[in-house]
Each structure stands twice: as structure tokens, then as C-alpha cells.
Amino acid sequence: MRGALMASKGALIGMTRTLAAGLGSHGIAVTAVAPGLTRTPATGGVPTEEFEEFEEFAAHQALPRPLTPDDTAAVVARLVGDDAAALTGQTLTVDGGLSTFAVLAGPV
């Protein structure tokens, strides 16, 4: 399952860049949002085999709290405004800093 998720996210990044390059000349910006593990009814209480509780998983993020759909919605709300008019071809990761922190948190 994890392999399929990673492959689909990689495809989304490539598609975002391709669409941005092709549609920019028409004044269309294309930006993707890649949310991290977010508390929803579908995620339940156990996100992976390594963590028994959602809060324990969230404790390993740079911002140690569970993410909610509102966290991702706030980023999307910024993207649809004029302030983000020059942003295109990017994939914004909304994961509480997990993707950055996980790399830095390893043994020194």
C-alpha cells in the first residue's frame, strides 16, 4: 500500500509541473497540495503499525500535534487568493514538518 501511495504522489508532482509549464502562457497557475497524515474519520486511531495512537505519531513531527482537515484547507485558501498568483509548478507539503523533521531527527 505504501508503494502505491508514494508512486501516486510522485505522479502528482510530475503532473503538476507539466501542467504548470503548459498552462502558464494562458495565465493559469497550477499548484498541488500534498497533505500528511490528517485526522479524519477515515484515518481512525492507528495510522501505521509503528504507532499505536495518532497523537504518538504526531509527536514525531516538527509541529507536534495531530493535523486536521482545517490545516490543509487554510493552505488551500491562501493558494486561491491573489497573494499566490505567481506560485506555479510547486507541490506544497502540509505535514506539520514531518517530512523535514524526520530527515534531521536521525542519529548525528
PDB file of N, CA and C in Angstrom:
ATOM      1  N   MET A   1       0.826  -1.196   0.000  1.00  0.00           N
ATOM      2  CA  MET A   1       0.000   0.000   0.000  1.00  0.00           C
ATOM      3  C   MET A   1       0.866   1.253   0.000  1.00  0.00           C
ATOM      4  N   ARG A   2       1.924   1.273   0.805  1.00  0.00           N
ATOM      5  CA  ARG A   2       2.777   2.454   0.885  1.00  0.00           C
ATOM      6  C   ARG A   2       3.431   2.743  -0.463  1.00  0.00           C
ATOM      7  N   GLY A   3       3.837   1.706  -1.203  1.00  0.00           N
ATOM      8  CA  GLY A   3       4.448   1.897  -2.516  1.00  0.00           C
ATOM      9  C   GLY A   3       3.498   2.569  -3.491  1.00  0.00           C
ATOM     10  N   ALA A   4       2.241   2.169  -3.459  1.00  0.00           N
ATOM     11  CA  ALA A   4       1.237   2.782  -4.332  1.00  0.00           C
ATOM     12  C   ALA A   4       1.029   4.247  -3.971  1.00  0.00           C
ATOM     13  N   LEU A   5       1.043   4.547  -2.688  1.00  0.00           N
ATOM     14  CA  LEU A   5       0.884   5.931  -2.242  1.00  0.00           C
ATOM     15  C   LEU A   5       2.051   6.782  -2.719  1.00  0.00           C
ATOM     16  N   MET A   6       3.270   6.281  -2.556  1.00  0.00           N
ATOM     17  CA  MET A   6       4.452   7.030  -2.990  1.00  0.00           C
ATOM     18  C   MET A   6       4.458   7.224  -4.505  1.00  0.00           C
ATOM     19  N   ALA A   7       4.079   6.207  -5.245  1.00  0.00           N
ATOM     20  CA  ALA A   7       4.038   6.317  -6.708  1.00  0.00           C
ATOM     21  C   ALA A   7       3.003   7.344  -7.148  1.00  0.00           C
ATOM     22  N   SER A   8       1.850   7.340  -6.501  1.00  0.00           N
ATOM     23  CA  SER A   8       0.810   8.296  -6.888  1.00  0.00           C
ATOM     24  C   SER A   8       1.209   9.721  -6.537  1.00  0.00           C
ATOM     25  N   LYS A   9       1.886   9.916  -5.405  1.00  0.00           N
ATOM     26  CA  LYS A   9       2.351  11.262  -5.054  1.00  0.00           C
ATOM     27  C   LYS A   9       3.425  11.731  -6.029  1.00  0.00           C
ATOM     28  N   GLY A  10       4.303  10.832  -6.443  1.00  0.00           N
ATOM     29  CA  GLY A  10       5.315  11.182  -7.443  1.00  0.00           C
ATOM     30  C   GLY A  10       4.678  11.574  -8.764  1.00  0.00           C
ATOM     31  N   ALA A  11       3.642  10.853  -9.156  1.00  0.00           N
ATOM     32  CA  ALA A  11       2.922  11.179 -10.389  1.00  0.00           C
ATOM     33  C   ALA A  11       2.244  12.539 -10.274  1.00  0.00           C
ATOM     34  N   LEU A  12       1.700  12.842  -9.107  1.00  0.00           N
ATOM     35  CA  LEU A  12       1.054  14.134  -8.888  1.00  0.00           C
ATOM     36  C   LEU A  12       2.057  15.277  -9.029  1.00  0.00           C
ATOM     37  N   ILE A  13       3.250  15.101  -8.488  1.00  0.00           N
ATOM     38  CA  ILE A  13       4.287  16.132  -8.600  1.00  0.00           C
ATOM     39  C   ILE A  13       4.651  16.357 -10.064  1.00  0.00           C
ATOM     40  N   GLY A  14       4.867  15.282 -10.806  1.00  0.00           N
ATOM     41  CA  GLY A  14       5.202  15.395 -12.221  1.00  0.00           C
ATOM     42  C   GLY A  14       4.091  16.032 -13.029  1.00  0.00           C
ATOM     43  N   MET A  15       2.858  15.645 -12.760  1.00  0.00           N
ATOM     44  CA  MET A  15       1.722  16.212 -13.478  1.00  0.00           C
ATOM     45  C   MET A  15       1.582  17.704 -13.176  1.00  0.00           C
ATOM     46  N   THR A  16       1.799  18.081 -11.924  1.00  0.00           N
ATOM     47  CA  THR A  16       1.705  19.489 -11.539  1.00  0.00           C
ATOM     48  C   THR A  16       2.718  20.325 -12.308  1.00  0.00           C
ATOM     49  N   ARG A  17       3.951  19.858 -12.382  1.00  0.00           N
ATOM     50  CA  ARG A  17       4.992  20.591 -13.107  1.00  0.00           C
ATOM     51  C   ARG A  17       4.671  20.674 -14.597  1.00  0.00           C
ATOM     52  N   THR A  18       4.228  19.576 -15.168  1.00  0.00           N
ATOM     53  CA  THR A  18       3.910  19.548 -16.597  1.00  0.00           C
ATOM     54  C   THR A  18       2.756  20.489 -16.928  1.00  0.00           C
ATOM     55  N   LEU A  19       1.700  20.443 -16.131  1.00  0.00           N
ATOM     56  CA  LEU A  19       0.562  21.328 -16.367  1.00  0.00           C
ATOM     57  C   LEU A  19       0.942  22.792 -16.174  1.00  0.00           C
ATOM     58  N   ALA A  20       1.759  23.079 -15.161  1.00  0.00           N
ATOM     59  CA  ALA A  20       2.192  24.461 -14.934  1.00  0.00           C
ATOM     60  C   ALA A  20       2.973  24.987 -16.128  1.00  0.00           C
ATOM     61  N   ALA A  21       3.865  24.164 -16.670  1.00  0.00           N
ATOM     62  CA  ALA A  21       4.658  24.578 -17.830  1.00  0.00           C
ATOM     63  C   ALA A  21       3.775  24.804 -19.050  1.00  0.00           C
ATOM     64  N   GLY A  22       2.784  23.969 -19.232  1.00  0.00           N
ATOM     65  CA  GLY A  22       1.929  24.072 -20.408  1.00  0.00           C
ATOM     66  C   GLY A  22       0.851  25.130 -20.318  1.00  0.00           C
ATOM     67  N   LEU A  23       0.396  25.428 -19.119  1.00  0.00           N
ATOM     68  CA  LEU A  23      -0.728  26.348 -18.962  1.00  0.00           C
ATOM     69  C   LEU A  23      -0.321  27.757 -18.546  1.00  0.00           C
ATOM     70  N   GLY A  24       0.930  27.928 -18.148  1.00  0.00           N
ATOM     71  CA  GLY A  24       1.391  29.242 -17.705  1.00  0.00           C
ATOM     72  C   GLY A  24       1.203  30.328 -18.743  1.00  0.00           C
ATOM     73  N   SER A  25       1.438  30.011 -20.001  1.00  0.00           N
ATOM     74  CA  SER A  25       1.291  31.016 -21.061  1.00  0.00           C
ATOM     75  C   SER A  25      -0.162  31.461 -21.241  1.00  0.00           C
ATOM     76  N   HIS A  26      -1.087  30.721 -20.659  1.00  0.00           N
ATOM     77  CA  HIS A  26      -2.507  31.083 -20.701  1.00  0.00           C
ATOM     78  C   HIS A  26      -2.944  31.766 -19.398  1.00  0.00           C
ATOM     79  N   GLY A  27      -1.972  32.080 -18.544  1.00  0.00           N
ATOM     80  CA  GLY A  27      -2.276  32.741 -17.282  1.00  0.00           C
ATOM     81  C   GLY A  27      -2.838  31.825 -16.216  1.00  0.00           C
ATOM     82  N   ILE A  28      -2.642  30.533 -16.382  1.00  0.00           N
ATOM     83  CA  ILE A  28      -3.171  29.560 -15.423  1.00  0.00           C
ATOM     84  C   ILE A  28      -2.028  29.017 -14.575  1.00  0.00           C
ATOM     85  N   ALA A  29      -2.141  29.183 -13.273  1.00  0.00           N
ATOM     86  CA  ALA A  29      -1.162  28.644 -12.333  1.00  0.00           C
ATOM     87  C   ALA A  29      -1.652  27.288 -11.832  1.00  0.00           C
ATOM     88  N   VAL A  30      -0.726  26.357 -11.663  1.00  0.00           N
ATOM     89  CA  VAL A  30      -1.062  25.012 -11.189  1.00  0.00           C
ATOM     90  C   VAL A  30      -0.175  24.694  -9.991  1.00  0.00           C
ATOM     91  N   THR A  31      -0.794  24.456  -8.863  1.00  0.00           N
ATOM     92  CA  THR A  31      -0.070  24.124  -7.641  1.00  0.00           C
ATOM     93  C   THR A  31      -0.788  22.958  -6.974  1.00  0.00           C
ATOM     94  N   ALA A  32      -0.033  22.018  -6.443  1.00  0.00           N
ATOM     95  CA  ALA A  32      -0.619  20.865  -5.756  1.00  0.00           C
ATOM     96  C   ALA A  32      -0.373  20.972  -4.257  1.00  0.00           C
ATOM     97  N   VAL A  33      -1.220  20.333  -3.502  1.00  0.00           N
ATOM     98  CA  VAL A  33      -1.064  20.247  -2.054  1.00  0.00           C
ATOM     99  C   VAL A  33      -0.971  18.772  -1.691  1.00  0.00           C
ATOM    100  N   ALA A  34       0.081  18.414  -0.954  1.00  0.00           N
ATOM    101  CA  ALA A  34       0.285  17.036  -0.505  1.00  0.00           C
ATOM    102  C   ALA A  34       0.135  16.999   1.014  1.00  0.00           C
ATOM    103  N   PRO A  35      -1.043  16.664   1.499  1.00  0.00           N
ATOM    104  CA  PRO A  35      -1.229  16.630   2.949  1.00  0.00           C
ATOM    105  C   PRO A  35      -0.565  15.416   3.578  1.00  0.00           C
ATOM    106  N   GLY A  36      -0.072  15.611   4.778  1.00  0.00           N
ATOM    107  CA  GLY A  36       0.453  14.499   5.554  1.00  0.00           C
ATOM    108  C   GLY A  36      -0.696  13.768   6.228  1.00  0.00           C
ATOM    109  N   LEU A  37      -0.363  12.907   7.177  1.00  0.00           N
ATOM    110  CA  LEU A  37      -1.392  12.165   7.893  1.00  0.00           C
ATOM    111  C   LEU A  37      -2.300  13.144   8.629  1.00  0.00           C
ATOM    112  N   THR A  38      -3.563  13.092   8.301  1.00  0.00           N
ATOM    113  CA  THR A  38      -4.540  14.045   8.824  1.00  0.00           C
ATOM    114  C   THR A  38      -5.642  13.290   9.534  1.00  0.00           C
ATOM    115  N   ARG A  39      -6.029  13.800  10.686  1.00  0.00           N
ATOM    116  CA  ARG A  39      -7.089  13.135  11.448  1.00  0.00           C
ATOM    117  C   ARG A  39      -8.433  13.358  10.759  1.00  0.00           C
ATOM    118  N   THR A  40      -8.986  12.282  10.276  1.00  0.00           N
ATOM    119  CA  THR A  40     -10.323  12.281   9.674  1.00  0.00           C
ATOM    120  C   THR A  40     -11.008  10.997  10.134  1.00  0.00           C
ATOM    121  N   PRO A  41     -12.296  10.859   9.911  1.00  0.00           N
ATOM    122  CA  PRO A  41     -12.936   9.588  10.257  1.00  0.00           C
ATOM    123  C   PRO A  41     -12.292   8.396   9.543  1.00  0.00           C
ATOM    124  N   ALA A  42     -11.750   8.612   8.347  1.00  0.00           N
ATOM    125  CA  ALA A  42     -11.153   7.508   7.591  1.00  0.00           C
ATOM    126  C   ALA A  42      -9.816   7.048   8.162  1.00  0.00           C
ATOM    127  N   THR A  43      -9.069   7.942   8.833  1.00  0.00           N
ATOM    128  CA  THR A  43      -7.754   7.539   9.342  1.00  0.00           C
ATOM    129  C   THR A  43      -7.846   6.736  10.620  1.00  0.00           C
ATOM    130  N   GLY A  44      -8.938   6.853  11.338  1.00  0.00           N
ATOM    131  CA  GLY A  44      -9.091   6.079  12.561  1.00  0.00           C
ATOM    132  C   GLY A  44      -8.045   6.447  13.599  1.00  0.00           C
ATOM    133  N   GLY A  45      -7.786   5.559  14.519  1.00  0.00           N
ATOM    134  CA  GLY A  45      -6.853   5.846  15.592  1.00  0.00           C
ATOM    135  C   GLY A  45      -5.458   5.316  15.378  1.00  0.00           C
ATOM    136  N   VAL A  46      -5.252   4.410  14.421  1.00  0.00           N
ATOM    137  CA  VAL A  46      -3.936   3.799  14.245  1.00  0.00           C
ATOM    138  C   VAL A  46      -3.461   4.027  12.807  1.00  0.00           C
ATOM    139  N   PRO A  47      -2.549   4.983  12.572  1.00  0.00           N
ATOM    140  CA  PRO A  47      -2.120   5.272  11.211  1.00  0.00           C
ATOM    141  C   PRO A  47      -1.170   4.249  10.613  1.00  0.00           C
ATOM    142  N   THR A  48      -0.291   3.667  11.407  1.00  0.00           N
ATOM    143  CA  THR A  48       0.660   2.684  10.900  1.00  0.00           C
ATOM    144  C   THR A  48       0.909   1.638  11.964  1.00  0.00           C
ATOM    145  N   GLU A  49       1.633   0.581  11.581  1.00  0.00           N
ATOM    146  CA  GLU A  49       1.960  -0.463  12.552  1.00  0.00           C
ATOM    147  C   GLU A  49       2.918   0.045  13.626  1.00  0.00           C
ATOM    148  N   GLU A  50       3.755   1.049  13.291  1.00  0.00           N
ATOM    149  CA  GLU A  50       4.769   1.522  14.232  1.00  0.00           C
ATOM    150  C   GLU A  50       4.190   2.341  15.383  1.00  0.00           C
ATOM    151  N   PHE A  51       3.031   2.941  15.197  1.00  0.00           N
ATOM    152  CA  PHE A  51       2.464   3.808  16.225  1.00  0.00           C
ATOM    153  C   PHE A  51       1.056   3.344  16.568  1.00  0.00           C
ATOM    154  N   GLU A  52       0.804   3.233  17.862  1.00  0.00           N
ATOM    155  CA  GLU A  52      -0.500   2.740  18.289  1.00  0.00           C
ATOM    156  C   GLU A  52      -1.535   3.848  18.389  1.00  0.00           C
ATOM    157  N   GLU A  53      -1.093   5.079  18.534  1.00  0.00           N
ATOM    158  CA  GLU A  53      -2.029   6.181  18.697  1.00  0.00           C
ATOM    159  C   GLU A  53      -1.672   7.318  17.754  1.00  0.00           C
ATOM    160  N   PHE A  54      -2.683   8.006  17.287  1.00  0.00           N
ATOM    161  CA  PHE A  54      -2.482   9.122  16.362  1.00  0.00           C
ATOM    162  C   PHE A  54      -1.595  10.197  16.987  1.00  0.00           C
ATOM    163  N   GLU A  55      -1.815  10.512  18.247  1.00  0.00           N
ATOM    164  CA  GLU A  55      -1.042  11.541  18.934  1.00  0.00           C
ATOM    165  C   GLU A  55       0.433  11.167  19.023  1.00  0.00           C
ATOM    166  N   GLU A  56       0.723   9.875  19.182  1.00  0.00           N
ATOM    167  CA  GLU A  56       2.116   9.438  19.255  1.00  0.00           C
ATOM    168  C   GLU A  56       2.805   9.673  17.914  1.00  0.00           C
ATOM    169  N   PHE A  57       2.114   9.405  16.828  1.00  0.00           N
ATOM    170  CA  PHE A  57       2.671   9.670  15.501  1.00  0.00           C
ATOM    171  C   PHE A  57       2.929  11.162  15.342  1.00  0.00           C
ATOM    172  N   ALA A  58       1.960  11.973  15.733  1.00  0.00           N
ATOM    173  CA  ALA A  58       2.088  13.426  15.599  1.00  0.00           C
ATOM    174  C   ALA A  58       3.242  13.970  16.431  1.00  0.00           C
ATOM    175  N   ALA A  59       3.582  13.319  17.522  1.00  0.00           N
ATOM    176  CA  ALA A  59       4.676  13.781  18.377  1.00  0.00           C
ATOM    177  C   ALA A  59       6.016  13.765  17.656  1.00  0.00           C
ATOM    178  N   HIS A  60       6.119  13.047  16.547  1.00  0.00           N
ATOM    179  CA  HIS A  60       7.367  12.961  15.794  1.00  0.00           C
ATOM    180  C   HIS A  60       7.455  14.001  14.683  1.00  0.00           C
ATOM    181  N   GLN A  61       6.499  14.911  14.626  1.00  0.00           N
ATOM    182  CA  GLN A  61       6.526  15.995  13.656  1.00  0.00           C
ATOM    183  C   GLN A  61       7.244  17.187  14.271  1.00  0.00           C
ATOM    184  N   ALA A  62       7.688  18.121  13.430  1.00  0.00           N
ATOM    185  CA  ALA A  62       8.286  19.356  13.936  1.00  0.00           C
ATOM    186  C   ALA A  62       7.253  20.162  14.724  1.00  0.00           C
ATOM    187  N   LEU A  63       6.011  20.171  14.260  1.00  0.00           N
ATOM    188  CA  LEU A  63       4.899  20.777  14.998  1.00  0.00           C
ATOM    189  C   LEU A  63       4.121  19.618  15.611  1.00  0.00           C
ATOM    190  N   PRO A  64       4.407  19.290  16.866  1.00  0.00           N
ATOM    191  CA  PRO A  64       3.918  18.036  17.457  1.00  0.00           C
ATOM    192  C   PRO A  64       2.447  18.051  17.866  1.00  0.00           C
ATOM    193  N   ARG A  65       1.579  18.067  16.871  1.00  0.00           N
ATOM    194  CA  ARG A  65       0.141  17.957  17.135  1.00  0.00           C
ATOM    195  C   ARG A  65      -0.508  17.279  15.940  1.00  0.00           C
ATOM    196  N   PRO A  66      -1.602  16.602  16.157  1.00  0.00           N
ATOM    197  CA  PRO A  66      -2.288  15.971  15.032  1.00  0.00           C
ATOM    198  C   PRO A  66      -2.770  17.025  14.036  1.00  0.00           C
ATOM    199  N   LEU A  67      -2.672  16.714  12.760  1.00  0.00           N
ATOM    200  CA  LEU A  67      -3.176  17.615  11.728  1.00  0.00           C
ATOM    201  C   LEU A  67      -4.663  17.387  11.528  1.00  0.00           C
ATOM    202  N   THR A  68      -5.348  18.447  11.128  1.00  0.00           N
ATOM    203  CA  THR A  68      -6.779  18.366  10.859  1.00  0.00           C
ATOM    204  C   THR A  68      -7.035  18.804   9.415  1.00  0.00           C
ATOM    205  N   PRO A  69      -8.195  18.490   8.878  1.00  0.00           N
ATOM    206  CA  PRO A  69      -8.523  18.984   7.538  1.00  0.00           C
ATOM    207  C   PRO A  69      -8.445  20.511   7.444  1.00  0.00           C
ATOM    208  N   ASP A  70      -8.718  21.203   8.549  1.00  0.00           N
ATOM    209  CA  ASP A  70      -8.629  22.666   8.547  1.00  0.00           C
ATOM    210  C   ASP A  70      -7.208  23.156   8.276  1.00  0.00           C
ATOM    211  N   ASP A  71      -6.199  22.401   8.702  1.00  0.00           N
ATOM    212  CA  ASP A  71      -4.808  22.781   8.433  1.00  0.00           C
ATOM    213  C   ASP A  71      -4.546  22.833   6.930  1.00  0.00           C
ATOM    214  N   THR A  72      -4.989  21.814   6.230  1.00  0.00           N
ATOM    215  CA  THR A  72      -4.806  21.778   4.778  1.00  0.00           C
ATOM    216  C   THR A  72      -5.697  22.810   4.105  1.00  0.00           C
ATOM    217  N   ALA A  73      -6.912  22.965   4.579  1.00  0.00           N
ATOM    218  CA  ALA A  73      -7.838  23.937   3.991  1.00  0.00           C
ATOM    219  C   ALA A  73      -7.290  25.356   4.090  1.00  0.00           C
ATOM    220  N   ALA A  74      -6.610  25.678   5.177  1.00  0.00           N
ATOM    221  CA  ALA A  74      -6.037  27.020   5.334  1.00  0.00           C
ATOM    222  C   ALA A  74      -4.967  27.290   4.281  1.00  0.00           C
ATOM    223  N   VAL A  75      -4.164  26.288   3.960  1.00  0.00           N
ATOM    224  CA  VAL A  75      -3.146  26.441   2.910  1.00  0.00           C
ATOM    225  C   VAL A  75      -3.819  26.625   1.557  1.00  0.00           C
ATOM    226  N   VAL A  76      -4.821  25.821   1.277  1.00  0.00           N
ATOM    227  CA  VAL A  76      -5.537  25.930   0.004  1.00  0.00           C
ATOM    228  C   VAL A  76      -6.195  27.305  -0.119  1.00  0.00           C
ATOM    229  N   ALA A  77      -6.749  27.821   0.966  1.00  0.00           N
ATOM    230  CA  ALA A  77      -7.384  29.144   0.936  1.00  0.00           C
ATOM    231  C   ALA A  77      -6.382  30.222   0.535  1.00  0.00           C
ATOM    232  N   ARG A  78      -5.152  30.104   0.994  1.00  0.00           N
ATOM    233  CA  ARG A  78      -4.104  31.061   0.599  1.00  0.00           C
ATOM    234  C   ARG A  78      -3.766  30.922  -0.879  1.00  0.00           C
ATOM    235  N   LEU A  79      -3.788  29.712  -1.384  1.00  0.00           N
ATOM    236  CA  LEU A  79      -3.408  29.465  -2.779  1.00  0.00           C
ATOM    237  C   LEU A  79      -4.395  30.051  -3.778  1.00  0.00           C
ATOM    238  N   VAL A  80      -5.646  30.146  -3.419  1.00  0.00           N
ATOM    239  CA  VAL A  80      -6.639  30.632  -4.370  1.00  0.00           C
ATOM    240  C   VAL A  80      -6.733  32.154  -4.394  1.00  0.00           C
ATOM    241  N   GLY A  81      -6.008  32.827  -3.513  1.00  0.00           N
ATOM    242  CA  GLY A  81      -6.028  34.283  -3.484  1.00  0.00           C
ATOM    243  C   GLY A  81      -4.966  34.897  -4.382  1.00  0.00           C
ATOM    244  N   ASP A  82      -5.052  36.204  -4.549  1.00  0.00           N
ATOM    245  CA  ASP A  82      -4.097  36.931  -5.382  1.00  0.00           C
ATOM    246  C   ASP A  82      -2.675  36.884  -4.829  1.00  0.00           C
ATOM    247  N   ASP A  83      -2.518  36.680  -3.532  1.00  0.00           N
ATOM    248  CA  ASP A  83      -1.180  36.630  -2.934  1.00  0.00           C
ATOM    249  C   ASP A  83      -0.330  35.500  -3.498  1.00  0.00           C
ATOM    250  N   ALA A  84      -0.953  34.474  -4.031  1.00  0.00           N
ATOM    251  CA  ALA A  84      -0.216  33.320  -4.565  1.00  0.00           C
ATOM    252  C   ALA A  84      -0.245  33.282  -6.088  1.00  0.00           C
ATOM    253  N   ALA A  85      -0.524  34.420  -6.719  1.00  0.00           N
ATOM    254  CA  ALA A  85      -0.687  34.454  -8.178  1.00  0.00           C
ATOM    255  C   ALA A  85       0.565  34.015  -8.934  1.00  0.00           C
ATOM    256  N   ALA A  86       1.743  34.202  -8.363  1.00  0.00           N
ATOM    257  CA  ALA A  86       2.987  33.834  -9.053  1.00  0.00           C
ATOM    258  C   ALA A  86       3.474  32.438  -8.687  1.00  0.00           C
ATOM    259  N   LEU A  87       2.753  31.744  -7.842  1.00  0.00           N
ATOM    260  CA  LEU A  87       3.149  30.400  -7.424  1.00  0.00           C
ATOM    261  C   LEU A  87       2.593  29.386  -8.409  1.00  0.00           C
ATOM    262  N   THR A  88       3.468  28.639  -9.059  1.00  0.00           N
ATOM    263  CA  THR A  88       3.015  27.619 -10.000  1.00  0.00           C
ATOM    264  C   THR A  88       4.074  26.535 -10.135  1.00  0.00           C
ATOM    265  N   GLY A  89       3.633  25.338 -10.450  1.00  0.00           N
ATOM    266  CA  GLY A  89       4.548  24.221 -10.650  1.00  0.00           C
ATOM    267  C   GLY A  89       5.104  23.629  -9.369  1.00  0.00           C
ATOM    268  N   GLN A  90       4.539  23.981  -8.239  1.00  0.00           N
ATOM    269  CA  GLN A  90       5.047  23.524  -6.952  1.00  0.00           C
ATOM    270  C   GLN A  90       4.061  22.569  -6.290  1.00  0.00           C
ATOM    271  N   THR A  91       4.594  21.712  -5.442  1.00  0.00           N
ATOM    272  CA  THR A  91       3.771  20.862  -4.592  1.00  0.00           C
ATOM    273  C   THR A  91       4.075  21.247  -3.158  1.00  0.00           C
ATOM    274  N   LEU A  92       3.085  21.742  -2.457  1.00  0.00           N
ATOM    275  CA  LEU A  92       3.259  22.166  -1.072  1.00  0.00           C
ATOM    276  C   LEU A  92       2.896  21.013  -0.144  1.00  0.00           C
ATOM    277  N   THR A  93       3.837  20.638   0.690  1.00  0.00           N
ATOM    278  CA  THR A  93       3.620  19.554   1.640  1.00  0.00           C
ATOM    279  C   THR A  93       3.102  20.142   2.943  1.00  0.00           C
ATOM    280  N   VAL A  94       1.936  19.701   3.358  1.00  0.00           N
ATOM    281  CA  VAL A  94       1.321  20.163   4.600  1.00  0.00           C
ATOM    282  C   VAL A  94       1.318  18.967   5.547  1.00  0.00           C
ATOM    283  N   ASP A  95       2.409  18.817   6.294  1.00  0.00           N
ATOM    284  CA  ASP A  95       2.550  17.634   7.147  1.00  0.00           C
ATOM    285  C   ASP A  95       3.071  17.956   8.542  1.00  0.00           C
ATOM    286  N   GLY A  96       2.913  19.203   8.968  1.00  0.00           N
ATOM    287  CA  GLY A  96       3.380  19.570  10.298  1.00  0.00           C
ATOM    288  C   GLY A  96       4.891  19.536  10.433  1.00  0.00           C
ATOM    289  N   GLY A  97       5.593  19.504   9.315  1.00  0.00           N
ATOM    290  CA  GLY A  97       7.050  19.455   9.327  1.00  0.00           C
ATOM    291  C   GLY A  97       7.618  18.057   9.425  1.00  0.00           C
ATOM    292  N   LEU A  98       6.772  17.037   9.347  1.00  0.00           N
ATOM    293  CA  LEU A  98       7.250  15.660   9.493  1.00  0.00           C
ATOM    294  C   LEU A  98       8.287  15.308   8.437  1.00  0.00           C
ATOM    295  N   SER A  99       8.043  15.675   7.188  1.00  0.00           N
ATOM    296  CA  SER A  99       8.970  15.282   6.120  1.00  0.00           C
ATOM    297  C   SER A  99      10.336  15.933   6.293  1.00  0.00           C
ATOM    298  N   THR A 100      10.386  17.118   6.839  1.00  0.00           N
ATOM    299  CA  THR A 100      11.660  17.786   7.092  1.00  0.00           C
ATOM    300  C   THR A 100      12.287  17.272   8.378  1.00  0.00           C
ATOM    301  N   PHE A 101      11.493  17.200   9.423  1.00  0.00           N
ATOM    302  CA  PHE A 101      11.992  16.824  10.737  1.00  0.00           C
ATOM    303  C   PHE A 101      12.492  15.388  10.766  1.00  0.00           C
ATOM    304  N   ALA A 102      11.825  14.496  10.058  1.00  0.00           N
ATOM    305  CA  ALA A 102      12.207  13.082  10.071  1.00  0.00           C
ATOM    306  C   ALA A 102      13.619  12.887   9.538  1.00  0.00           C
ATOM    307  N   VAL A 103      14.007  13.669   8.550  1.00  0.00           N
ATOM    308  CA  VAL A 103      15.357  13.562   7.993  1.00  0.00           C
ATOM    309  C   VAL A 103      16.381  14.076   8.990  1.00  0.00           C
ATOM    310  N   LEU A 104      16.061  15.182   9.646  1.00  0.00           N
ATOM    311  CA  LEU A 104      17.002  15.807  10.566  1.00  0.00           C
ATOM    312  C   LEU A 104      17.072  15.111  11.917  1.00  0.00           C
ATOM    313  N   ALA A 105      16.057  14.326  12.254  1.00  0.00           N
ATOM    314  CA  ALA A 105      15.981  13.745  13.585  1.00  0.00           C
ATOM    315  C   ALA A 105      16.777  12.457  13.742  1.00  0.00           C
ATOM    316  N   GLY A 106      17.408  11.999  12.685  1.00  0.00           N
ATOM    317  CA  GLY A 106      18.179  10.763  12.764  1.00  0.00           C
ATOM    318  C   GLY A 106      19.437  10.933  13.596  1.00  0.00           C
ATOM    319  N   PRO A 107      20.213   9.878  13.758  1.00  0.00           N
ATOM    320  CA  PRO A 107      21.438   9.955  14.551  1.00  0.00           C
ATOM    321  C   PRO A 107      22.410  10.970  13.962  1.00  0.00           C
ATOM    322  N   VAL A 108      23.076  11.679  14.842  1.00  0.00           N
ATOM    323  CA  VAL A 108      24.044  12.695  14.401  1.00  0.00           C
ATOM    324  C   VAL A 108      25.428  12.106  14.376  1.00  0.00           C
TER     325      VAL A 108
END
